[in-house]
Amino acid sequence: MKDMPETDRRFATTLARGLSVLRAFRPSDDGLGNAEIAERTGLPKSTVSRLTYTLHALGYLSHARHGERYRPGPALLAMGNVASASIGFADLAGPIMQRLADQTRTLSLLAVRDRDRMLLTKAWRPAGVSSIWLEVGHRLPIRGSSSGACYLAAVSDDSLPRVVDEIGGDRDLTPDRAMAIRDDAYAQLLARGFAITLPEHYFTSNIHAVSTSFQPPDLSEPVVFTCGASPADLTVDRMEAEVGPALRAAVRELETRLGLGPVPLRR
């Protein structure tokens, strides 16, 4: 594991492997068997079997009967609720972002970095509008997404080497490419308060998205707010002229309500 070297005596390998099992689950899964978990984590199936047995015994995984596919258990759900409740800005952001989703007719999202991906932790769908299929728990690549570019732009200089190392070359994201993406998104954030990864560089052709960063007072890393929709509904011109400014205004409203004022980018 590149982001937490197993050669460090403080590193608990068994704990890390157990957490990798929990991270293997996706919102679209209808349960996972040991073989599927082994494939996703790269762990031996025998190791996975021991880990899933232990996690099931502790309530972090569940299944209805012997041989049933594993699903997130009540202890894991409780832990997620505690973590969500401890992030003070999330509840305050909810009404603001829902209003933004309704006004712009886009899917509004909150994303945090999860190792080499941007993890969607909150989603606000526009009322009465068919929006794109992304769900909470979906993981976006850092290279090729507006969320990832915006995150790289908002990370401090001191943290950047560690972040690039933890990303681990996903989608050929070398340090030089990461710096190029960072510099471009940083310039966009300074100039207009939001960043757009152009469609020809996006990781998929069926999504357009615009993002802006937010530095929560109780987290060490920035998070990213994003508005996304299909290319037909969210053109680059519309992102630049309408949705991007509306997104930035919504996050500024959140900053004001938290008593933060405009938070400058850290470099």
C-alpha atoms as a PDB file:
ATOM      1  CA  MET A   1       0.000   0.000   0.000  1.00  0.00           C
ATOM      2  CA  LYS A   2       1.764   3.072  -1.212  1.00  0.00           C
ATOM      3  CA  ASP A   3       0.086   5.680   0.954  1.00  0.00           C
ATOM      4  CA  MET A   4       0.880   3.890   4.265  1.00  0.00           C
ATOM      5  CA  PRO A   5       4.177   1.993   3.968  1.00  0.00           C
ATOM      6  CA  GLU A   6       4.009  -1.454   5.507  1.00  0.00           C
ATOM      7  CA  THR A   7       7.696  -1.177   6.403  1.00  0.00           C
ATOM      8  CA  ASP A   8       6.798   1.359   9.124  1.00  0.00           C
ATOM      9  CA  ARG A   9       6.596  -0.468  12.474  1.00  0.00           C
ATOM     10  CA  ARG A  10       3.563   1.624  13.412  1.00  0.00           C
ATOM     11  CA  PHE A  11       1.577   0.400  10.411  1.00  0.00           C
ATOM     12  CA  ALA A  12      -1.085  -2.215  11.314  1.00  0.00           C
ATOM     13  CA  THR A  13      -1.282  -4.356   8.188  1.00  0.00           C
ATOM     14  CA  THR A  14      -4.245  -6.458   9.323  1.00  0.00           C
ATOM     15  CA  LEU A  15      -6.263  -3.345  10.130  1.00  0.00           C
ATOM     16  CA  ALA A  16      -5.412  -1.848   6.736  1.00  0.00           C
ATOM     17  CA  ARG A  17      -6.511  -5.028   4.974  1.00  0.00           C
ATOM     18  CA  GLY A  18      -9.779  -5.107   6.918  1.00  0.00           C
ATOM     19  CA  LEU A  19     -10.486  -1.519   5.937  1.00  0.00           C
ATOM     20  CA  SER A  20      -9.704  -2.328   2.305  1.00  0.00           C
ATOM     21  CA  VAL A  21     -12.448  -4.979   2.454  1.00  0.00           C
ATOM     22  CA  LEU A  22     -14.946  -2.383   3.657  1.00  0.00           C
ATOM     23  CA  ARG A  23     -13.836   0.040   0.932  1.00  0.00           C
ATOM     24  CA  ALA A  24     -14.490  -2.602  -1.732  1.00  0.00           C
ATOM     25  CA  PHE A  25     -18.260  -2.099  -1.503  1.00  0.00           C
ATOM     26  CA  ARG A  26     -20.019   0.198  -3.954  1.00  0.00           C
ATOM     27  CA  PRO A  27     -23.548   1.639  -3.833  1.00  0.00           C
ATOM     28  CA  SER A  28     -24.641  -0.377  -6.873  1.00  0.00           C
ATOM     29  CA  ASP A  29     -23.556  -3.722  -5.386  1.00  0.00           C
ATOM     30  CA  ASP A  30     -26.150  -6.332  -4.498  1.00  0.00           C
ATOM     31  CA  GLY A  31     -23.791  -7.814  -1.960  1.00  0.00           C
ATOM     32  CA  LEU A  32     -20.303  -9.210  -2.567  1.00  0.00           C
ATOM     33  CA  GLY A  33     -18.857 -12.689  -2.206  1.00  0.00           C
ATOM     34  CA  ASN A  34     -15.332 -13.394  -0.984  1.00  0.00           C
ATOM     35  CA  ALA A  35     -14.080 -13.995  -4.527  1.00  0.00           C
ATOM     36  CA  GLU A  36     -15.330 -10.576  -5.687  1.00  0.00           C
ATOM     37  CA  ILE A  37     -13.842  -8.858  -2.644  1.00  0.00           C
ATOM     38  CA  ALA A  38     -10.525 -10.603  -3.278  1.00  0.00           C
ATOM     39  CA  GLU A  39     -10.559  -9.406  -6.886  1.00  0.00           C
ATOM     40  CA  ARG A  40     -11.288  -5.810  -5.909  1.00  0.00           C
ATOM     41  CA  THR A  41      -8.765  -5.624  -3.080  1.00  0.00           C
ATOM     42  CA  GLY A  42      -6.000  -7.755  -4.532  1.00  0.00           C
ATOM     43  CA  LEU A  43      -5.898  -9.805  -1.325  1.00  0.00           C
ATOM     44  CA  PRO A  44      -5.717 -13.611  -1.291  1.00  0.00           C
ATOM     45  CA  LYS A  45      -9.119 -15.243  -0.992  1.00  0.00           C
ATOM     46  CA  SER A  46      -8.052 -17.046   2.193  1.00  0.00           C
ATOM     47  CA  THR A  47      -7.176 -13.698   3.772  1.00  0.00           C
ATOM     48  CA  VAL A  48     -10.471 -12.212   2.631  1.00  0.00           C
ATOM     49  CA  SER A  49     -12.380 -15.133   4.143  1.00  0.00           C
ATOM     50  CA  ARG A  50     -10.812 -14.502   7.554  1.00  0.00           C
ATOM     51  CA  LEU A  51     -11.410 -10.768   7.331  1.00  0.00           C
ATOM     52  CA  THR A  52     -15.050 -11.036   6.258  1.00  0.00           C
ATOM     53  CA  TYR A  53     -15.699 -13.602   9.010  1.00  0.00           C
ATOM     54  CA  THR A  54     -14.264 -11.217  11.600  1.00  0.00           C
ATOM     55  CA  LEU A  55     -16.036  -8.145  10.217  1.00  0.00           C
ATOM     56  CA  HIS A  56     -19.308 -10.082  10.162  1.00  0.00           C
ATOM     57  CA  ALA A  57     -18.805 -11.217  13.765  1.00  0.00           C
ATOM     58  CA  LEU A  58     -18.285  -7.576  14.794  1.00  0.00           C
ATOM     59  CA  GLY A  59     -21.317  -6.321  12.874  1.00  0.00           C
ATOM     60  CA  TYR A  60     -19.465  -4.404  10.171  1.00  0.00           C
ATOM     61  CA  LEU A  61     -20.697  -6.837   7.511  1.00  0.00           C
ATOM     62  CA  SER A  62     -23.932  -8.796   7.377  1.00  0.00           C
ATOM     63  CA  HIS A  63     -25.507 -11.643   5.441  1.00  0.00           C
ATOM     64  CA  ALA A  64     -28.844 -13.369   5.854  1.00  0.00           C
ATOM     65  CA  ARG A  65     -27.503 -16.933   6.064  1.00  0.00           C
ATOM     66  CA  HIS A  66     -24.417 -19.046   5.475  1.00  0.00           C
ATOM     67  CA  GLY A  67     -23.092 -18.546   1.969  1.00  0.00           C
ATOM     68  CA  GLU A  68     -25.082 -15.344   1.427  1.00  0.00           C
ATOM     69  CA  ARG A  69     -23.269 -12.416  -0.143  1.00  0.00           C
ATOM     70  CA  TYR A  70     -21.901  -9.840   2.289  1.00  0.00           C
ATOM     71  CA  ARG A  71     -23.415  -6.387   2.693  1.00  0.00           C
ATOM     72  CA  PRO A  72     -22.535  -3.428   4.926  1.00  0.00           C
ATOM     73  CA  GLY A  73     -23.659  -4.227   8.464  1.00  0.00           C
ATOM     74  CA  PRO A  74     -25.269  -2.129  11.214  1.00  0.00           C
ATOM     75  CA  ALA A  75     -21.976  -1.264  12.924  1.00  0.00           C
ATOM     76  CA  LEU A  76     -20.614   0.163   9.679  1.00  0.00           C
ATOM     77  CA  LEU A  77     -23.794   2.151   9.073  1.00  0.00           C
ATOM     78  CA  ALA A  78     -23.660   3.523  12.615  1.00  0.00           C
ATOM     79  CA  MET A  79     -20.026   4.525  12.146  1.00  0.00           C
ATOM     80  CA  GLY A  80     -20.899   6.314   8.915  1.00  0.00           C
ATOM     81  CA  ASN A  81     -23.700   8.233  10.606  1.00  0.00           C
ATOM     82  CA  VAL A  82     -21.391   9.293  13.436  1.00  0.00           C
ATOM     83  CA  ALA A  83     -18.767  10.470  10.959  1.00  0.00           C
ATOM     84  CA  SER A  84     -21.362  12.375   8.932  1.00  0.00           C
ATOM     85  CA  ALA A  85     -22.817  14.035  12.028  1.00  0.00           C
ATOM     86  CA  SER A  86     -19.368  15.110  13.211  1.00  0.00           C
ATOM     87  CA  ILE A  87     -18.771  17.170  10.051  1.00  0.00           C
ATOM     88  CA  GLY A  88     -20.534  20.344  11.066  1.00  0.00           C
ATOM     89  CA  PHE A  89     -20.808  22.033   7.684  1.00  0.00           C
ATOM     90  CA  ALA A  90     -22.652  19.189   5.918  1.00  0.00           C
ATOM     91  CA  ASP A  91     -26.093  19.781   7.439  1.00  0.00           C
ATOM     92  CA  LEU A  92     -25.818  23.524   6.926  1.00  0.00           C
ATOM     93  CA  ALA A  93     -24.828  22.966   3.299  1.00  0.00           C
ATOM     94  CA  GLY A  94     -27.860  20.772   2.582  1.00  0.00           C
ATOM     95  CA  PRO A  95     -30.558  23.434   2.007  1.00  0.00           C
ATOM     96  CA  ILE A  96     -28.120  25.654   0.108  1.00  0.00           C
ATOM     97  CA  MET A  97     -27.048  22.900  -2.250  1.00  0.00           C
ATOM     98  CA  GLN A  98     -30.577  21.587  -2.737  1.00  0.00           C
ATOM     99  CA  ARG A  99     -31.678  25.074  -3.781  1.00  0.00           C
ATOM    100  CA  LEU A 100     -28.721  25.226  -6.163  1.00  0.00           C
ATOM    101  CA  ALA A 101     -29.666  21.851  -7.663  1.00  0.00           C
ATOM    102  CA  ASP A 102     -33.255  22.964  -8.191  1.00  0.00           C
ATOM    103  CA  GLN A 103     -32.297  26.343  -9.665  1.00  0.00           C
ATOM    104  CA  THR A 104     -29.643  25.016 -12.052  1.00  0.00           C
ATOM    105  CA  ARG A 105     -31.371  21.666 -12.777  1.00  0.00           C
ATOM    106  CA  THR A 106     -28.106  19.851 -12.100  1.00  0.00           C
ATOM    107  CA  LEU A 107     -26.991  17.165  -9.686  1.00  0.00           C
ATOM    108  CA  SER A 108     -25.120  18.920  -6.860  1.00  0.00           C
ATOM    109  CA  LEU A 109     -22.437  16.899  -5.093  1.00  0.00           C
ATOM    110  CA  LEU A 110     -19.999  16.991  -2.211  1.00  0.00           C
ATOM    111  CA  ALA A 111     -16.780  15.052  -2.797  1.00  0.00           C
ATOM    112  CA  VAL A 112     -13.817  14.249  -0.564  1.00  0.00           C
ATOM    113  CA  ARG A 113     -10.572  12.545  -1.504  1.00  0.00           C
ATOM    114  CA  ASP A 114     -10.488   8.840  -0.733  1.00  0.00           C
ATOM    115  CA  ARG A 115      -6.937   7.721  -1.491  1.00  0.00           C
ATOM    116  CA  ASP A 116      -6.693   7.810  -5.313  1.00  0.00           C
ATOM    117  CA  ARG A 117     -10.309   8.830  -5.998  1.00  0.00           C
ATOM    118  CA  MET A 118     -12.827  11.535  -5.192  1.00  0.00           C
ATOM    119  CA  LEU A 119     -15.590   9.949  -3.105  1.00  0.00           C
ATOM    120  CA  LEU A 120     -19.111  11.361  -3.403  1.00  0.00           C
ATOM    121  CA  THR A 121     -20.433  11.778   0.144  1.00  0.00           C
ATOM    122  CA  LYS A 122     -23.554  13.888  -0.454  1.00  0.00           C
ATOM    123  CA  ALA A 123     -25.838  14.340  -3.454  1.00  0.00           C
ATOM    124  CA  TRP A 124     -28.707  16.765  -3.999  1.00  0.00           C
ATOM    125  CA  ARG A 125     -30.979  15.970  -6.948  1.00  0.00           C
ATOM    126  CA  PRO A 126     -33.059  18.618  -8.720  1.00  0.00           C
ATOM    127  CA  ALA A 127     -36.784  18.287  -8.112  1.00  0.00           C
ATOM    128  CA  GLY A 128     -38.735  17.073 -11.118  1.00  0.00           C
ATOM    129  CA  VAL A 129     -35.663  16.688 -13.318  1.00  0.00           C
ATOM    130  CA  SER A 130     -34.059  13.469 -14.505  1.00  0.00           C
ATOM    131  CA  SER A 131     -30.436  13.836 -13.393  1.00  0.00           C
ATOM    132  CA  ILE A 132     -27.297  11.844 -14.028  1.00  0.00           C
ATOM    133  CA  TRP A 133     -26.814   8.468 -12.380  1.00  0.00           C
ATOM    134  CA  LEU A 134     -24.037   9.284  -9.908  1.00  0.00           C
ATOM    135  CA  GLU A 135     -24.837   8.252  -6.322  1.00  0.00           C
ATOM    136  CA  VAL A 136     -23.361   8.748  -2.876  1.00  0.00           C
ATOM    137  CA  GLY A 137     -20.445   6.345  -2.562  1.00  0.00           C
ATOM    138  CA  HIS A 138     -19.422   6.631  -6.214  1.00  0.00           C
ATOM    139  CA  ARG A 139     -15.701   7.238  -6.689  1.00  0.00           C
ATOM    140  CA  LEU A 140     -14.459   9.557  -9.442  1.00  0.00           C
ATOM    141  CA  PRO A 141     -10.914   9.529 -10.817  1.00  0.00           C
ATOM    142  CA  ILE A 142      -8.824  12.526  -9.872  1.00  0.00           C
ATOM    143  CA  ARG A 143      -7.356  12.839 -13.349  1.00  0.00           C
ATOM    144  CA  GLY A 144     -10.166  13.575 -15.786  1.00  0.00           C
ATOM    145  CA  SER A 145     -12.753  15.064 -13.435  1.00  0.00           C
ATOM    146  CA  SER A 146     -13.506  18.638 -12.429  1.00  0.00           C
ATOM    147  CA  SER A 147     -13.734  17.492  -8.811  1.00  0.00           C
ATOM    148  CA  GLY A 148     -10.256  15.983  -8.933  1.00  0.00           C
ATOM    149  CA  ALA A 149      -8.723  18.996 -10.654  1.00  0.00           C
ATOM    150  CA  CYS A 150     -10.327  21.348  -8.148  1.00  0.00           C
ATOM    151  CA  TYR A 151      -9.079  19.261  -5.253  1.00  0.00           C
ATOM    152  CA  LEU A 152      -5.497  19.322  -6.570  1.00  0.00           C
ATOM    153  CA  ALA A 153      -5.727  23.096  -6.958  1.00  0.00           C
ATOM    154  CA  ALA A 154      -6.879  23.579  -3.367  1.00  0.00           C
ATOM    155  CA  VAL A 155      -4.298  21.348  -1.659  1.00  0.00           C
ATOM    156  CA  SER A 156      -1.528  23.270   0.066  1.00  0.00           C
ATOM    157  CA  ASP A 157       2.020  23.163  -1.277  1.00  0.00           C
ATOM    158  CA  ASP A 158       3.172  21.353   1.860  1.00  0.00           C
ATOM    159  CA  SER A 159       0.590  18.587   1.377  1.00  0.00           C
ATOM    160  CA  LEU A 160       0.937  18.173  -2.379  1.00  0.00           C
ATOM    161  CA  PRO A 161       3.904  15.729  -2.462  1.00  0.00           C
ATOM    162  CA  ARG A 162       2.135  13.400  -0.021  1.00  0.00           C
ATOM    163  CA  VAL A 163      -1.133  13.641  -1.943  1.00  0.00           C
ATOM    164  CA  VAL A 164       0.515  12.882  -5.297  1.00  0.00           C
ATOM    165  CA  ASP A 165       2.288   9.900  -3.728  1.00  0.00           C
ATOM    166  CA  GLU A 166      -0.984   8.604  -2.260  1.00  0.00           C
ATOM    167  CA  ILE A 167      -2.768   8.952  -5.590  1.00  0.00           C
ATOM    168  CA  GLY A 168      -0.223   6.477  -6.846  1.00  0.00           C
ATOM    169  CA  GLY A 169      -0.228   7.118 -10.587  1.00  0.00           C
ATOM    170  CA  ASP A 170      -3.924   6.344 -11.131  1.00  0.00           C
ATOM    171  CA  ARG A 171      -4.831   6.826 -14.811  1.00  0.00           C
ATOM    172  CA  ASP A 172      -1.159   7.683 -15.441  1.00  0.00           C
ATOM    173  CA  LEU A 173      -1.346  10.699 -13.148  1.00  0.00           C
ATOM    174  CA  THR A 174       2.367  11.367 -12.858  1.00  0.00           C
ATOM    175  CA  PRO A 175       3.672  14.183 -10.611  1.00  0.00           C
ATOM    176  CA  ASP A 176       4.219  16.372 -13.687  1.00  0.00           C
ATOM    177  CA  ARG A 177       0.676  15.798 -14.929  1.00  0.00           C
ATOM    178  CA  ALA A 178      -0.710  16.428 -11.466  1.00  0.00           C
ATOM    179  CA  MET A 179       1.123  19.767 -11.348  1.00  0.00           C
ATOM    180  CA  ALA A 180      -0.176  20.750 -14.790  1.00  0.00           C
ATOM    181  CA  ILE A 181      -3.765  19.930 -13.767  1.00  0.00           C
ATOM    182  CA  ARG A 182      -3.258  21.750 -10.467  1.00  0.00           C
ATOM    183  CA  ASP A 183      -1.870  24.897 -12.113  1.00  0.00           C
ATOM    184  CA  ASP A 184      -4.705  25.083 -14.659  1.00  0.00           C
ATOM    185  CA  ALA A 185      -7.447  24.565 -12.071  1.00  0.00           C
ATOM    186  CA  TYR A 186      -5.778  26.969  -9.641  1.00  0.00           C
ATOM    187  CA  ALA A 187      -5.750  29.694 -12.297  1.00  0.00           C
ATOM    188  CA  GLN A 188      -9.452  29.070 -12.976  1.00  0.00           C
ATOM    189  CA  LEU A 189     -10.326  29.229  -9.274  1.00  0.00           C
ATOM    190  CA  LEU A 190      -8.441  32.489  -8.856  1.00  0.00           C
ATOM    191  CA  ALA A 191      -9.957  34.055 -11.959  1.00  0.00           C
ATOM    192  CA  ARG A 192     -13.601  33.068 -11.533  1.00  0.00           C
ATOM    193  CA  GLY A 193     -14.050  30.938  -8.420  1.00  0.00           C
ATOM    194  CA  PHE A 194     -14.735  27.600 -10.125  1.00  0.00           C
ATOM    195  CA  ALA A 195     -12.924  25.074 -12.306  1.00  0.00           C
ATOM    196  CA  ILE A 196     -13.967  23.039 -15.333  1.00  0.00           C
ATOM    197  CA  THR A 197     -12.147  20.077 -16.816  1.00  0.00           C
ATOM    198  CA  LEU A 198     -12.771  20.339 -20.536  1.00  0.00           C
ATOM    199  CA  PRO A 199     -14.898  17.573 -22.116  1.00  0.00           C
ATOM    200  CA  GLU A 200     -12.014  16.216 -24.200  1.00  0.00           C
ATOM    201  CA  HIS A 201     -10.087  15.515 -20.984  1.00  0.00           C
ATOM    202  CA  TYR A 202     -12.993  14.169 -18.946  1.00  0.00           C
ATOM    203  CA  PHE A 203     -12.969  10.553 -17.779  1.00  0.00           C
ATOM    204  CA  THR A 204     -16.322   9.875 -19.439  1.00  0.00           C
ATOM    205  CA  SER A 205     -18.174  11.474 -22.331  1.00  0.00           C
ATOM    206  CA  ASN A 206     -21.637  11.452 -20.750  1.00  0.00           C
ATOM    207  CA  ILE A 207     -20.989  13.919 -17.913  1.00  0.00           C
ATOM    208  CA  HIS A 208     -20.133  17.611 -17.790  1.00  0.00           C
ATOM    209  CA  ALA A 209     -19.265  19.102 -14.407  1.00  0.00           C
ATOM    210  CA  VAL A 210     -18.057  22.287 -12.758  1.00  0.00           C
ATOM    211  CA  SER A 211     -16.470  22.388  -9.299  1.00  0.00           C
ATOM    212  CA  THR A 212     -15.278  24.696  -6.562  1.00  0.00           C
ATOM    213  CA  SER A 213     -13.303  24.055  -3.410  1.00  0.00           C
ATOM    214  CA  PHE A 214     -14.211  24.539   0.238  1.00  0.00           C
ATOM    215  CA  GLN A 215     -11.938  24.321   3.267  1.00  0.00           C
ATOM    216  CA  PRO A 216     -13.979  23.090   6.258  1.00  0.00           C
ATOM    217  CA  PRO A 217     -12.756  24.426   9.589  1.00  0.00           C
ATOM    218  CA  ASP A 218     -12.828  20.920  11.106  1.00  0.00           C
ATOM    219  CA  LEU A 219     -11.001  19.027   8.324  1.00  0.00           C
ATOM    220  CA  SER A 220      -7.337  19.117   7.355  1.00  0.00           C
ATOM    221  CA  GLU A 221      -7.950  18.769   3.606  1.00  0.00           C
ATOM    222  CA  PRO A 222     -10.220  20.703   1.251  1.00  0.00           C
ATOM    223  CA  VAL A 223     -13.461  19.241  -0.038  1.00  0.00           C
ATOM    224  CA  VAL A 224     -15.111  19.916  -3.367  1.00  0.00           C
ATOM    225  CA  PHE A 225     -18.630  20.951  -4.325  1.00  0.00           C
ATOM    226  CA  THR A 226     -19.679  20.072  -7.878  1.00  0.00           C
ATOM    227  CA  CYS A 227     -22.627  20.527 -10.213  1.00  0.00           C
ATOM    228  CA  GLY A 228     -23.004  17.951 -12.974  1.00  0.00           C
ATOM    229  CA  ALA A 229     -25.408  16.933 -15.710  1.00  0.00           C
ATOM    230  CA  SER A 230     -25.434  15.408 -19.166  1.00  0.00           C
ATOM    231  CA  PRO A 231     -23.562  17.346 -21.870  1.00  0.00           C
ATOM    232  CA  ALA A 232     -26.875  18.198 -23.559  1.00  0.00           C
ATOM    233  CA  ASP A 233     -28.166  19.826 -20.368  1.00  0.00           C
ATOM    234  CA  LEU A 234     -24.915  21.346 -19.172  1.00  0.00           C
ATOM    235  CA  THR A 235     -22.824  22.800 -21.965  1.00  0.00           C
ATOM    236  CA  VAL A 236     -19.453  24.416 -21.352  1.00  0.00           C
ATOM    237  CA  ASP A 237     -20.988  27.816 -22.108  1.00  0.00           C
ATOM    238  CA  ARG A 238     -23.697  27.223 -19.509  1.00  0.00           C
ATOM    239  CA  MET A 239     -21.134  26.075 -16.934  1.00  0.00           C
ATOM    240  CA  GLU A 240     -19.094  29.220 -17.490  1.00  0.00           C
ATOM    241  CA  ALA A 241     -21.929  31.738 -17.654  1.00  0.00           C
ATOM    242  CA  GLU A 242     -24.548  30.348 -15.258  1.00  0.00           C
ATOM    243  CA  VAL A 243     -23.877  27.224 -13.229  1.00  0.00           C
ATOM    244  CA  GLY A 244     -20.270  27.918 -12.225  1.00  0.00           C
ATOM    245  CA  PRO A 245     -21.066  31.385 -10.809  1.00  0.00           C
ATOM    246  CA  ALA A 246     -24.153  29.985  -9.052  1.00  0.00           C
ATOM    247  CA  LEU A 247     -22.061  27.202  -7.503  1.00  0.00           C
ATOM    248  CA  ARG A 248     -19.441  29.639  -6.272  1.00  0.00           C
ATOM    249  CA  ALA A 249     -22.154  31.902  -4.822  1.00  0.00           C
ATOM    250  CA  ALA A 250     -23.700  28.946  -2.990  1.00  0.00           C
ATOM    251  CA  VAL A 251     -20.371  28.009  -1.385  1.00  0.00           C
ATOM    252  CA  ARG A 252     -19.747  31.637  -0.424  1.00  0.00           C
ATOM    253  CA  GLU A 253     -23.154  31.621   1.277  1.00  0.00           C
ATOM    254  CA  LEU A 254     -22.069  28.531   3.209  1.00  0.00           C
ATOM    255  CA  GLU A 255     -18.825  30.227   4.220  1.00  0.00           C
ATOM    256  CA  THR A 256     -20.757  33.280   5.412  1.00  0.00           C
ATOM    257  CA  ARG A 257     -23.193  31.193   7.463  1.00  0.00           C
ATOM    258  CA  LEU A 258     -20.255  29.432   9.093  1.00  0.00           C
ATOM    259  CA  GLY A 259     -18.688  32.802   9.886  1.00  0.00           C
ATOM    260  CA  LEU A 260     -15.649  32.042   7.759  1.00  0.00           C
ATOM    261  CA  GLY A 261     -15.780  34.771   5.155  1.00  0.00           C
ATOM    262  CA  PRO A 262     -14.107  34.072   1.796  1.00  0.00           C
ATOM    263  CA  VAL A 263     -11.426  31.431   2.368  1.00  0.00           C
ATOM    264  CA  PRO A 264      -8.336  32.039   0.210  1.00  0.00           C
ATOM    265  CA  LEU A 265      -6.712  29.190  -1.654  1.00  0.00           C
ATOM    266  CA  ARG A 266      -3.686  27.853   0.173  1.00  0.00           C
ATOM    267  CA  ARG A 267      -0.489  27.466  -1.857  1.00  0.00           C
END
